[in-house]
């Protein structure tokens, strides 16, 4: 009779993972919102710099540069607020789904 070899520590039986409930929604992308906000601010700065009367102390280019910085920052801030609103609306319209884990867990 041959002796059977047993491992030093018995390996635990893999337990089936429970299904995970998740919320699926389409989230907007952050950087396109910021880029559009900055671009709109720069366009408004050019329009306001070149549509008003010319200042004898400053050239139109320097006025446009100063306004571009301020309006671009304001555009990015407003775009961030719009992004947050759109993200919350899409999150509320999300649907619940069940995720089924497959394969081996990555972390033990």
PDB file of N, CA and C in Angstrom:
ATOM      1  N   UNK A   1       0.803  -1.159   0.000  1.00  0.00           N
ATOM      2  CA  UNK A   1       0.000   0.000   0.000  1.00  0.00           C
ATOM      3  C   UNK A   1       0.859   1.240   0.000  1.00  0.00           C
ATOM      4  N   UNK A   2       0.520   2.162  -0.869  1.00  0.00           N
ATOM      5  CA  UNK A   2       1.280   3.411  -0.953  1.00  0.00           C
ATOM      6  C   UNK A   2       0.667   4.445  -0.029  1.00  0.00           C
ATOM      7  N   UNK A   3       1.507   5.168   0.692  1.00  0.00           N
ATOM      8  CA  UNK A   3       0.955   6.228   1.539  1.00  0.00           C
ATOM      9  C   UNK A   3       0.535   7.424   0.664  1.00  0.00           C
ATOM     10  N   UNK A   4      -0.551   8.027   0.979  1.00  0.00           N
ATOM     11  CA  UNK A   4      -1.001   9.212   0.243  1.00  0.00           C
ATOM     12  C   UNK A   4      -0.442  10.448   0.919  1.00  0.00           C
ATOM     13  N   UNK A   5      -0.077  11.402   0.114  1.00  0.00           N
ATOM     14  CA  UNK A   5       0.493  12.639   0.656  1.00  0.00           C
ATOM     15  C   UNK A   5      -0.603  13.685   0.781  1.00  0.00           C
ATOM     16  N   UNK A   6      -0.657  14.313   1.929  1.00  0.00           N
ATOM     17  CA  UNK A   6      -1.601  15.377   2.182  1.00  0.00           C
ATOM     18  C   UNK A   6      -0.836  16.691   2.274  1.00  0.00           C
ATOM     19  N   UNK A   7      -1.395  17.786   1.749  1.00  0.00           N
ATOM     20  CA  UNK A   7      -0.710  19.070   1.904  1.00  0.00           C
ATOM     21  C   UNK A   7      -0.683  19.490   3.368  1.00  0.00           C
ATOM     22  N   UNK A   8       0.326  20.285   3.722  1.00  0.00           N
ATOM     23  CA  UNK A   8       0.482  20.730   5.106  1.00  0.00           C
ATOM     24  C   UNK A   8      -0.730  21.535   5.550  1.00  0.00           C
ATOM     25  N   UNK A   9      -1.191  22.442   4.689  1.00  0.00           N
ATOM     26  CA  UNK A   9      -2.381  23.229   4.997  1.00  0.00           C
ATOM     27  C   UNK A   9      -3.425  22.923   3.945  1.00  0.00           C
ATOM     28  N   UNK A  10      -4.588  22.581   4.361  1.00  0.00           N
ATOM     29  CA  UNK A  10      -5.609  22.316   3.349  1.00  0.00           C
ATOM     30  C   UNK A  10      -5.989  23.617   2.637  1.00  0.00           C
ATOM     31  N   UNK A  11      -6.130  23.536   1.337  1.00  0.00           N
ATOM     32  CA  UNK A  11      -6.514  24.727   0.571  1.00  0.00           C
ATOM     33  C   UNK A  11      -8.003  24.958   0.750  1.00  0.00           C
ATOM     34  N   UNK A  12      -8.380  26.189   1.003  1.00  0.00           N
ATOM     35  CA  UNK A  12      -9.806  26.459   1.197  1.00  0.00           C
ATOM     36  C   UNK A  12     -10.547  26.314  -0.133  1.00  0.00           C
ATOM     37  N   UNK A  13     -11.742  25.854  -0.021  1.00  0.00           N
ATOM     38  CA  UNK A  13     -12.581  25.730  -1.211  1.00  0.00           C
ATOM     39  C   UNK A  13     -12.958  27.132  -1.688  1.00  0.00           C
ATOM     40  N   UNK A  14     -12.895  27.358  -3.008  1.00  0.00           N
ATOM     41  CA  UNK A  14     -13.296  28.682  -3.485  1.00  0.00           C
ATOM     42  C   UNK A  14     -14.787  28.903  -3.258  1.00  0.00           C
ATOM     43  N   UNK A  15     -15.085  29.989  -2.589  1.00  0.00           N
ATOM     44  CA  UNK A  15     -16.483  30.303  -2.322  1.00  0.00           C
ATOM     45  C   UNK A  15     -17.023  31.127  -3.475  1.00  0.00           C
ATOM     46  N   UNK A  16     -18.214  30.853  -3.889  1.00  0.00           N
ATOM     47  CA  UNK A  16     -18.769  31.648  -4.984  1.00  0.00           C
ATOM     48  C   UNK A  16     -19.009  33.079  -4.512  1.00  0.00           C
ATOM     49  N   UNK A  17     -18.516  34.012  -5.283  1.00  0.00           N
ATOM     50  CA  UNK A  17     -18.677  35.415  -4.923  1.00  0.00           C
ATOM     51  C   UNK A  17     -20.118  35.837  -5.141  1.00  0.00           C
ATOM     52  N   UNK A  18     -20.569  36.690  -4.297  1.00  0.00           N
ATOM     53  CA  UNK A  18     -21.933  37.191  -4.410  1.00  0.00           C
ATOM     54  C   UNK A  18     -22.001  38.209  -5.536  1.00  0.00           C
ATOM     55  N   UNK A  19     -23.157  38.309  -6.124  1.00  0.00           N
ATOM     56  CA  UNK A  19     -23.360  39.314  -7.162  1.00  0.00           C
ATOM     57  C   UNK A  19     -23.290  40.703  -6.538  1.00  0.00           C
ATOM     58  N   UNK A  20     -22.839  41.661  -7.319  1.00  0.00           N
ATOM     59  CA  UNK A  20     -22.658  43.027  -6.839  1.00  0.00           C
ATOM     60  C   UNK A  20     -23.644  43.922  -7.567  1.00  0.00           C
ATOM     61  N   UNK A  21     -24.366  44.729  -6.809  1.00  0.00           N
ATOM     62  CA  UNK A  21     -25.299  45.661  -7.433  1.00  0.00           C
ATOM     63  C   UNK A  21     -24.569  46.968  -7.729  1.00  0.00           C
ATOM     64  N   UNK A  22     -24.671  47.436  -8.979  1.00  0.00           N
ATOM     65  CA  UNK A  22     -23.982  48.650  -9.411  1.00  0.00           C
ATOM     66  C   UNK A  22     -24.976  49.581 -10.095  1.00  0.00           C
ATOM     67  N   UNK A  23     -24.601  50.852 -10.198  1.00  0.00           N
ATOM     68  CA  UNK A  23     -25.381  51.833 -10.932  1.00  0.00           C
ATOM     69  C   UNK A  23     -24.630  52.142 -12.225  1.00  0.00           C
ATOM     70  N   UNK A  24     -25.314  51.977 -13.352  1.00  0.00           N
ATOM     71  CA  UNK A  24     -24.704  52.209 -14.657  1.00  0.00           C
ATOM     72  C   UNK A  24     -25.256  53.523 -15.209  1.00  0.00           C
ATOM     73  N   UNK A  25     -24.361  54.446 -15.498  1.00  0.00           N
ATOM     74  CA  UNK A  25     -24.766  55.713 -16.116  1.00  0.00           C
ATOM     75  C   UNK A  25     -23.641  56.213 -17.007  1.00  0.00           C
ATOM     76  N   UNK A  26     -24.001  57.050 -17.960  1.00  0.00           N
ATOM     77  CA  UNK A  26     -22.977  57.606 -18.844  1.00  0.00           C
ATOM     78  C   UNK A  26     -22.503  58.926 -18.243  1.00  0.00           C
ATOM     79  N   UNK A  27     -21.265  58.958 -17.820  1.00  0.00           N
ATOM     80  CA  UNK A  27     -20.700  60.138 -17.176  1.00  0.00           C
ATOM     81  C   UNK A  27     -20.061  61.035 -18.229  1.00  0.00           C
ATOM     82  N   UNK A  28     -20.213  62.345 -18.088  1.00  0.00           N
ATOM     83  CA  UNK A  28     -19.543  63.252 -19.028  1.00  0.00           C
ATOM     84  C   UNK A  28     -18.040  63.280 -18.781  1.00  0.00           C
ATOM     85  N   UNK A  29     -17.294  63.684 -19.795  1.00  0.00           N
ATOM     86  CA  UNK A  29     -15.844  63.785 -19.650  1.00  0.00           C
ATOM     87  C   UNK A  29     -15.490  65.173 -19.118  1.00  0.00           C
ATOM     88  N   UNK A  30     -14.555  65.205 -18.195  1.00  0.00           N
ATOM     89  CA  UNK A  30     -14.218  66.437 -17.476  1.00  0.00           C
ATOM     90  C   UNK A  30     -13.472  67.441 -18.353  1.00  0.00           C
ATOM     91  N   UNK A  31     -12.403  67.012 -19.018  1.00  0.00           N
ATOM     92  CA  UNK A  31     -11.529  67.946 -19.731  1.00  0.00           C
ATOM     93  C   UNK A  31     -12.184  68.619 -20.931  1.00  0.00           C
ATOM     94  N   UNK A  32     -13.045  67.966 -21.706  1.00  0.00           N
ATOM     95  CA  UNK A  32     -13.734  68.718 -22.764  1.00  0.00           C
ATOM     96  C   UNK A  32     -14.590  69.866 -22.224  1.00  0.00           C
ATOM     97  N   UNK A  33     -15.220  69.663 -21.080  1.00  0.00           N
ATOM     98  CA  UNK A  33     -15.992  70.759 -20.483  1.00  0.00           C
ATOM     99  C   UNK A  33     -15.078  71.933 -20.144  1.00  0.00           C
ATOM    100  N   UNK A  34     -13.920  71.656 -19.545  1.00  0.00           N
ATOM    101  CA  UNK A  34     -13.000  72.720 -19.161  1.00  0.00           C
ATOM    102  C   UNK A  34     -12.442  73.428 -20.401  1.00  0.00           C
ATOM    103  N   UNK A  35     -12.121  72.675 -21.429  1.00  0.00           N
ATOM    104  CA  UNK A  35     -11.596  73.272 -22.660  1.00  0.00           C
ATOM    105  C   UNK A  35     -12.603  74.181 -23.337  1.00  0.00           C
ATOM    106  N   UNK A  36     -13.848  73.731 -23.397  1.00  0.00           N
ATOM    107  CA  UNK A  36     -14.893  74.562 -24.016  1.00  0.00           C
ATOM    108  C   UNK A  36     -15.131  75.816 -23.181  1.00  0.00           C
ATOM    109  N   UNK A  37     -15.110  75.694 -21.872  1.00  0.00           N
ATOM    110  CA  UNK A  37     -15.292  76.871 -21.012  1.00  0.00           C
ATOM    111  C   UNK A  37     -14.183  77.890 -21.212  1.00  0.00           C
ATOM    112  N   UNK A  38     -12.926  77.424 -21.301  1.00  0.00           N
ATOM    113  CA  UNK A  38     -11.805  78.344 -21.537  1.00  0.00           C
ATOM    114  C   UNK A  38     -11.900  78.974 -22.923  1.00  0.00           C
ATOM    115  N   UNK A  39     -12.277  78.186 -23.927  1.00  0.00           N
ATOM    116  CA  UNK A  39     -12.386  78.715 -25.295  1.00  0.00           C
ATOM    117  C   UNK A  39     -13.485  79.773 -25.396  1.00  0.00           C
ATOM    118  N   UNK A  40     -14.610  79.528 -24.749  1.00  0.00           N
ATOM    119  CA  UNK A  40     -15.696  80.519 -24.761  1.00  0.00           C
ATOM    120  C   UNK A  40     -15.247  81.790 -24.047  1.00  0.00           C
ATOM    121  N   UNK A  41     -14.519  81.652 -22.949  1.00  0.00           N
ATOM    122  CA  UNK A  41     -14.006  82.829 -22.246  1.00  0.00           C
ATOM    123  C   UNK A  41     -13.035  83.624 -23.104  1.00  0.00           C
ATOM    124  N   UNK A  42     -12.179  82.951 -23.856  1.00  0.00           N
ATOM    125  CA  UNK A  42     -11.219  83.642 -24.725  1.00  0.00           C
ATOM    126  C   UNK A  42     -11.931  84.349 -25.867  1.00  0.00           C
ATOM    127  N   UNK A  43     -12.939  83.713 -26.441  1.00  0.00           N
ATOM    128  CA  UNK A  43     -13.699  84.346 -27.535  1.00  0.00           C
ATOM    129  C   UNK A  43     -14.413  85.596 -27.026  1.00  0.00           C
ATOM    130  N   UNK A  44     -15.018  85.514 -25.849  1.00  0.00           N
ATOM    131  CA  UNK A  44     -15.699  86.684 -25.279  1.00  0.00           C
ATOM    132  C   UNK A  44     -14.686  87.788 -24.977  1.00  0.00           C
ATOM    133  N   UNK A  45     -13.483  87.434 -24.549  1.00  0.00           N
ATOM    134  CA  UNK A  45     -12.449  88.434 -24.282  1.00  0.00           C
ATOM    135  C   UNK A  45     -12.055  89.159 -25.566  1.00  0.00           C
ATOM    136  N   UNK A  46     -11.866  88.423 -26.660  1.00  0.00           N
ATOM    137  CA  UNK A  46     -11.529  89.073 -27.933  1.00  0.00           C
ATOM    138  C   UNK A  46     -12.646  89.996 -28.399  1.00  0.00           C
ATOM    139  N   UNK A  47     -13.871  89.541 -28.282  1.00  0.00           N
ATOM    140  CA  UNK A  47     -15.008  90.371 -28.712  1.00  0.00           C
ATOM    141  C   UNK A  47     -15.080  91.644 -27.882  1.00  0.00           C
ATOM    142  N   UNK A  48     -14.933  91.517 -26.569  1.00  0.00           N
ATOM    143  CA  UNK A  48     -15.041  92.715 -25.726  1.00  0.00           C
ATOM    144  C   UNK A  48     -13.831  93.645 -25.892  1.00  0.00           C
ATOM    145  N   UNK A  49     -12.648  93.105 -26.199  1.00  0.00           N
ATOM    146  CA  UNK A  49     -11.458  93.953 -26.359  1.00  0.00           C
ATOM    147  C   UNK A  49     -11.497  94.729 -27.671  1.00  0.00           C
ATOM    148  N   UNK A  50     -12.006  94.127 -28.732  1.00  0.00           N
ATOM    149  CA  UNK A  50     -11.967  94.774 -30.036  1.00  0.00           C
ATOM    150  C   UNK A  50     -13.272  95.465 -30.414  1.00  0.00           C
ATOM    151  N   UNK A  51     -14.324  95.351 -29.598  1.00  0.00           N
ATOM    152  CA  UNK A  51     -15.581  96.015 -29.945  1.00  0.00           C
ATOM    153  C   UNK A  51     -15.730  97.373 -29.260  1.00  0.00           C
ATOM    154  N   UNK A  52     -15.032  97.611 -28.173  1.00  0.00           N
ATOM    155  CA  UNK A  52     -15.164  98.871 -27.453  1.00  0.00           C
ATOM    156  C   UNK A  52     -14.230  99.942 -27.998  1.00  0.00           C
ATOM    157  N   UNK A  53     -14.312 101.115 -27.420  1.00  0.00           N
ATOM    158  CA  UNK A  53     -13.419 102.190 -27.868  1.00  0.00           C
ATOM    159  C   UNK A  53     -11.972 101.894 -27.471  1.00  0.00           C
ATOM    160  N   UNK A  54     -11.036 102.376 -28.272  1.00  0.00           N
ATOM    161  CA  UNK A  54      -9.623 102.106 -28.009  1.00  0.00           C
ATOM    162  C   UNK A  54      -9.124 103.016 -26.891  1.00  0.00           C
ATOM    163  N   UNK A  55      -8.344 102.464 -26.004  1.00  0.00           N
ATOM    164  CA  UNK A  55      -7.758 103.192 -24.893  1.00  0.00           C
ATOM    165  C   UNK A  55      -6.396 103.716 -25.345  1.00  0.00           C
ATOM    166  N   UNK A  56      -6.100 105.008 -25.172  1.00  0.00           N
ATOM    167  CA  UNK A  56      -4.802 105.518 -25.625  1.00  0.00           C
ATOM    168  C   UNK A  56      -3.631 105.003 -24.782  1.00  0.00           C
ATOM    169  N   UNK A  57      -3.883 104.552 -23.576  1.00  0.00           N
ATOM    170  CA  UNK A  57      -2.810 104.071 -22.704  1.00  0.00           C
ATOM    171  C   UNK A  57      -2.376 102.636 -23.015  1.00  0.00           C
ATOM    172  N   UNK A  58      -3.298 101.814 -23.502  1.00  0.00           N
ATOM    173  CA  UNK A  58      -2.997 100.406 -23.756  1.00  0.00           C
ATOM    174  C   UNK A  58      -3.394 100.047 -25.182  1.00  0.00           C
ATOM    175  N   UNK A  59      -2.642  99.136 -25.784  1.00  0.00           N
ATOM    176  CA  UNK A  59      -3.021  98.661 -27.113  1.00  0.00           C
ATOM    177  C   UNK A  59      -4.156  97.647 -26.986  1.00  0.00           C
ATOM    178  N   UNK A  60      -4.836  97.396 -28.084  1.00  0.00           N
ATOM    179  CA  UNK A  60      -5.934  96.424 -28.057  1.00  0.00           C
ATOM    180  C   UNK A  60      -5.417  95.021 -27.739  1.00  0.00           C
ATOM    181  N   UNK A  61      -4.218  94.714 -28.176  1.00  0.00           N
ATOM    182  CA  UNK A  61      -3.642  93.404 -27.902  1.00  0.00           C
ATOM    183  C   UNK A  61      -3.385  93.173 -26.423  1.00  0.00           C
ATOM    184  N   UNK A  62      -2.870  94.197 -25.747  1.00  0.00           N
ATOM    185  CA  UNK A  62      -2.624  94.027 -24.309  1.00  0.00           C
ATOM    186  C   UNK A  62      -3.933  93.950 -23.535  1.00  0.00           C
ATOM    187  N   UNK A  63      -4.938  94.728 -23.953  1.00  0.00           N
ATOM    188  CA  UNK A  63      -6.251  94.653 -23.303  1.00  0.00           C
ATOM    189  C   UNK A  63      -6.849  93.260 -23.525  1.00  0.00           C
ATOM    190  N   UNK A  64      -6.705  92.736 -24.747  1.00  0.00           N
ATOM    191  CA  UNK A  64      -7.221  91.400 -25.044  1.00  0.00           C
ATOM    192  C   UNK A  64      -6.500  90.346 -24.202  1.00  0.00           C
ATOM    193  N   UNK A  65      -5.205  90.479 -24.014  1.00  0.00           N
ATOM    194  CA  UNK A  65      -4.451  89.525 -23.199  1.00  0.00           C
ATOM    195  C   UNK A  65      -4.900  89.523 -21.755  1.00  0.00           C
ATOM    196  N   UNK A  66      -5.092  90.716 -21.185  1.00  0.00           N
ATOM    197  CA  UNK A  66      -5.570  90.794 -19.805  1.00  0.00           C
ATOM    198  C   UNK A  66      -6.964  90.193 -19.672  1.00  0.00           C
ATOM    199  N   UNK A  67      -7.834  90.525 -20.618  1.00  0.00           N
ATOM    200  CA  UNK A  67      -9.200  90.007 -20.555  1.00  0.00           C
ATOM    201  C   UNK A  67      -9.255  88.503 -20.797  1.00  0.00           C
ATOM    202  N   UNK A  68      -8.347  87.996 -21.646  1.00  0.00           N
ATOM    203  CA  UNK A  68      -8.333  86.556 -21.915  1.00  0.00           C
ATOM    204  C   UNK A  68      -8.067  85.767 -20.634  1.00  0.00           C
ATOM    205  N   UNK A  69      -7.137  86.234 -19.836  1.00  0.00           N
ATOM    206  CA  UNK A  69      -6.814  85.514 -18.594  1.00  0.00           C
ATOM    207  C   UNK A  69      -8.030  85.489 -17.671  1.00  0.00           C
ATOM    208  N   UNK A  70      -8.637  86.624 -17.471  1.00  0.00           N
ATOM    209  CA  UNK A  70      -9.789  86.695 -16.565  1.00  0.00           C
ATOM    210  C   UNK A  70     -10.993  85.930 -17.076  1.00  0.00           C
ATOM    211  N   UNK A  71     -11.315  86.110 -18.362  1.00  0.00           N
ATOM    212  CA  UNK A  71     -12.488  85.438 -18.915  1.00  0.00           C
ATOM    213  C   UNK A  71     -12.262  83.935 -19.067  1.00  0.00           C
ATOM    214  N   UNK A  72     -11.028  83.521 -19.329  1.00  0.00           N
ATOM    215  CA  UNK A  72     -10.755  82.076 -19.434  1.00  0.00           C
ATOM    216  C   UNK A  72     -10.932  81.406 -18.069  1.00  0.00           C
ATOM    217  N   UNK A  73     -10.462  82.059 -17.021  1.00  0.00           N
ATOM    218  CA  UNK A  73     -10.648  81.500 -15.671  1.00  0.00           C
ATOM    219  C   UNK A  73     -12.127  81.449 -15.317  1.00  0.00           C
ATOM    220  N   UNK A  74     -12.853  82.516 -15.623  1.00  0.00           N
ATOM    221  CA  UNK A  74     -14.294  82.523 -15.352  1.00  0.00           C
ATOM    222  C   UNK A  74     -15.011  81.455 -16.172  1.00  0.00           C
ATOM    223  N   UNK A  75     -14.603  81.254 -17.427  1.00  0.00           N
ATOM    224  CA  UNK A  75     -15.212  80.226 -18.266  1.00  0.00           C
ATOM    225  C   UNK A  75     -14.956  78.831 -17.733  1.00  0.00           C
ATOM    226  N   UNK A  76     -13.748  78.588 -17.232  1.00  0.00           N
ATOM    227  CA  UNK A  76     -13.429  77.278 -16.663  1.00  0.00           C
ATOM    228  C   UNK A  76     -14.247  77.044 -15.391  1.00  0.00           C
ATOM    229  N   UNK A  77     -14.396  78.054 -14.563  1.00  0.00           N
ATOM    230  CA  UNK A  77     -15.201  77.895 -13.345  1.00  0.00           C
ATOM    231  C   UNK A  77     -16.669  77.614 -13.671  1.00  0.00           C
ATOM    232  N   UNK A  78     -17.218  78.350 -14.634  1.00  0.00           N
ATOM    233  CA  UNK A  78     -18.608  78.101 -15.026  1.00  0.00           C
ATOM    234  C   UNK A  78     -18.762  76.724 -15.670  1.00  0.00           C
ATOM    235  N   UNK A  79     -17.779  76.321 -16.474  1.00  0.00           N
ATOM    236  CA  UNK A  79     -17.837  74.994 -17.088  1.00  0.00           C
ATOM    237  C   UNK A  79     -17.765  73.900 -16.032  1.00  0.00           C
ATOM    238  N   UNK A  80     -17.004  74.125 -14.968  1.00  0.00           N
ATOM    239  CA  UNK A  80     -16.949  73.154 -13.877  1.00  0.00           C
ATOM    240  C   UNK A  80     -18.290  73.004 -13.186  1.00  0.00           C
ATOM    241  N   UNK A  81     -18.984  74.106 -12.995  1.00  0.00           N
ATOM    242  CA  UNK A  81     -20.314  74.053 -12.383  1.00  0.00           C
ATOM    243  C   UNK A  81     -21.289  73.316 -13.293  1.00  0.00           C
ATOM    244  N   UNK A  82     -21.240  73.617 -14.590  1.00  0.00           N
ATOM    245  CA  UNK A  82     -22.110  72.922 -15.553  1.00  0.00           C
ATOM    246  C   UNK A  82     -21.787  71.432 -15.577  1.00  0.00           C
ATOM    247  N   UNK A  83     -20.497  71.086 -15.517  1.00  0.00           N
ATOM    248  CA  UNK A  83     -20.090  69.678 -15.482  1.00  0.00           C
ATOM    249  C   UNK A  83     -20.700  68.961 -14.282  1.00  0.00           C
ATOM    250  N   UNK A  84     -20.627  69.576 -13.107  1.00  0.00           N
ATOM    251  CA  UNK A  84     -21.187  68.952 -11.906  1.00  0.00           C
ATOM    252  C   UNK A  84     -22.695  68.750 -12.017  1.00  0.00           C
ATOM    253  N   UNK A  85     -23.384  69.727 -12.599  1.00  0.00           N
ATOM    254  CA  UNK A  85     -24.835  69.602 -12.769  1.00  0.00           C
ATOM    255  C   UNK A  85     -25.163  68.469 -13.732  1.00  0.00           C
ATOM    256  N   UNK A  86     -24.455  68.415 -14.865  1.00  0.00           N
ATOM    257  CA  UNK A  86     -24.710  67.360 -15.851  1.00  0.00           C
ATOM    258  C   UNK A  86     -24.380  65.992 -15.262  1.00  0.00           C
ATOM    259  N   UNK A  87     -23.307  65.903 -14.484  1.00  0.00           N
ATOM    260  CA  UNK A  87     -22.941  64.632 -13.872  1.00  0.00           C
ATOM    261  C   UNK A  87     -24.012  64.166 -12.890  1.00  0.00           C
ATOM    262  N   UNK A  88     -24.553  65.061 -12.088  1.00  0.00           N
ATOM    263  CA  UNK A  88     -25.601  64.687 -11.134  1.00  0.00           C
ATOM    264  C   UNK A  88     -26.872  64.247 -11.857  1.00  0.00           C
ATOM    265  N   UNK A  89     -27.223  64.930 -12.941  1.00  0.00           N
ATOM    266  CA  UNK A  89     -28.432  64.565 -13.687  1.00  0.00           C
ATOM    267  C   UNK A  89     -28.270  63.183 -14.308  1.00  0.00           C
ATOM    268  N   UNK A  90     -27.119  62.901 -14.900  1.00  0.00           N
ATOM    269  CA  UNK A  90     -26.922  61.582 -15.502  1.00  0.00           C
ATOM    270  C   UNK A  90     -26.835  60.494 -14.435  1.00  0.00           C
ATOM    271  N   UNK A  91     -26.351  60.816 -13.255  1.00  0.00           N
ATOM    272  CA  UNK A  91     -26.298  59.835 -12.173  1.00  0.00           C
ATOM    273  C   UNK A  91     -27.703  59.475 -11.706  1.00  0.00           C
ATOM    274  N   UNK A  92     -28.589  60.474 -11.629  1.00  0.00           N
ATOM    275  CA  UNK A  92     -29.964  60.204 -11.219  1.00  0.00           C
ATOM    276  C   UNK A  92     -30.706  59.386 -12.262  1.00  0.00           C
ATOM    277  N   UNK A  93     -30.331  59.536 -13.529  1.00  0.00           N
ATOM    278  CA  UNK A  93     -30.982  58.778 -14.594  1.00  0.00           C
ATOM    279  C   UNK A  93     -30.338  57.417 -14.816  1.00  0.00           C
ATOM    280  N   UNK A  94     -29.345  57.088 -14.013  1.00  0.00           N
ATOM    281  CA  UNK A  94     -28.670  55.797 -14.146  1.00  0.00           C
ATOM    282  C   UNK A  94     -29.595  54.657 -13.764  1.00  0.00           C
ATOM    283  N   UNK A  95     -29.273  53.481 -14.256  1.00  0.00           N
ATOM    284  CA  UNK A  95     -30.095  52.317 -13.940  1.00  0.00           C
ATOM    285  C   UNK A  95     -29.267  51.340 -13.113  1.00  0.00           C
ATOM    286  N   UNK A  96     -29.943  50.579 -12.308  1.00  0.00           N
ATOM    287  CA  UNK A  96     -29.273  49.587 -11.469  1.00  0.00           C
ATOM    288  C   UNK A  96     -29.086  48.309 -12.271  1.00  0.00           C
ATOM    289  N   UNK A  97     -27.938  47.685 -12.060  1.00  0.00           N
ATOM    290  CA  UNK A  97     -27.636  46.427 -12.728  1.00  0.00           C
ATOM    291  C   UNK A  97     -26.915  45.521 -11.740  1.00  0.00           C
ATOM    292  N   UNK A  98     -26.843  44.256 -12.091  1.00  0.00           N
ATOM    293  CA  UNK A  98     -26.149  43.287 -11.252  1.00  0.00           C
ATOM    294  C   UNK A  98     -24.886  42.844 -11.961  1.00  0.00           C
ATOM    295  N   UNK A  99     -23.756  43.017 -11.290  1.00  0.00           N
ATOM    296  CA  UNK A  99     -22.474  42.590 -11.845  1.00  0.00           C
ATOM    297  C   UNK A  99     -22.155  41.207 -11.288  1.00  0.00           C
ATOM    298  N   UNK A 100     -21.780  40.309 -12.183  1.00  0.00           N
ATOM    299  CA  UNK A 100     -21.448  38.950 -11.783  1.00  0.00           C
ATOM    300  C   UNK A 100     -19.939  38.785 -11.892  1.00  0.00           C
ATOM    301  N   UNK A 101     -19.241  38.546 -10.777  1.00  0.00           N
ATOM    302  CA  UNK A 101     -17.793  38.366 -10.836  1.00  0.00           C
ATOM    303  C   UNK A 101     -17.439  37.085 -11.603  1.00  0.00           C
ATOM    304  N   UNK A 102     -16.434  37.179 -12.446  1.00  0.00           N
ATOM    305  CA  UNK A 102     -15.969  36.017 -13.191  1.00  0.00           C
ATOM    306  C   UNK A 102     -14.489  35.810 -12.920  1.00  0.00           C
ATOM    307  N   UNK A 103     -14.056  34.582 -12.969  1.00  0.00           N
ATOM    308  CA  UNK A 103     -12.641  34.277 -12.811  1.00  0.00           C
ATOM    309  C   UNK A 103     -12.186  34.374 -11.371  1.00  0.00           C
ATOM    310  N   UNK A 104     -10.874  34.382 -11.224  1.00  0.00           N
ATOM    311  CA  UNK A 104     -10.259  34.441  -9.906  1.00  0.00           C
ATOM    312  C   UNK A 104     -10.221  35.873  -9.404  1.00  0.00           C
ATOM    313  N   UNK A 105     -10.383  36.084  -8.101  1.00  0.00           N
ATOM    314  CA  UNK A 105     -10.266  37.452  -7.570  1.00  0.00           C
ATOM    315  C   UNK A 105      -8.821  37.912  -7.677  1.00  0.00           C
ATOM    316  N   UNK A 106      -8.645  39.194  -7.956  1.00  0.00           N
ATOM    317  CA  UNK A 106      -7.303  39.743  -8.140  1.00  0.00           C
ATOM    318  C   UNK A 106      -6.578  39.915  -6.817  1.00  0.00           C
ATOM    319  N   UNK A 107      -7.299  40.274  -5.788  1.00  0.00           N
ATOM    320  CA  UNK A 107      -6.690  40.553  -4.494  1.00  0.00           C
ATOM    321  C   UNK A 107      -7.251  39.605  -3.451  1.00  0.00           C
ATOM    322  N   UNK A 108      -6.403  39.035  -2.676  1.00  0.00           N
ATOM    323  CA  UNK A 108      -6.866  38.150  -1.610  1.00  0.00           C
ATOM    324  C   UNK A 108      -6.472  38.690  -0.272  1.00  0.00           C
TER     325      UNK A 108
END
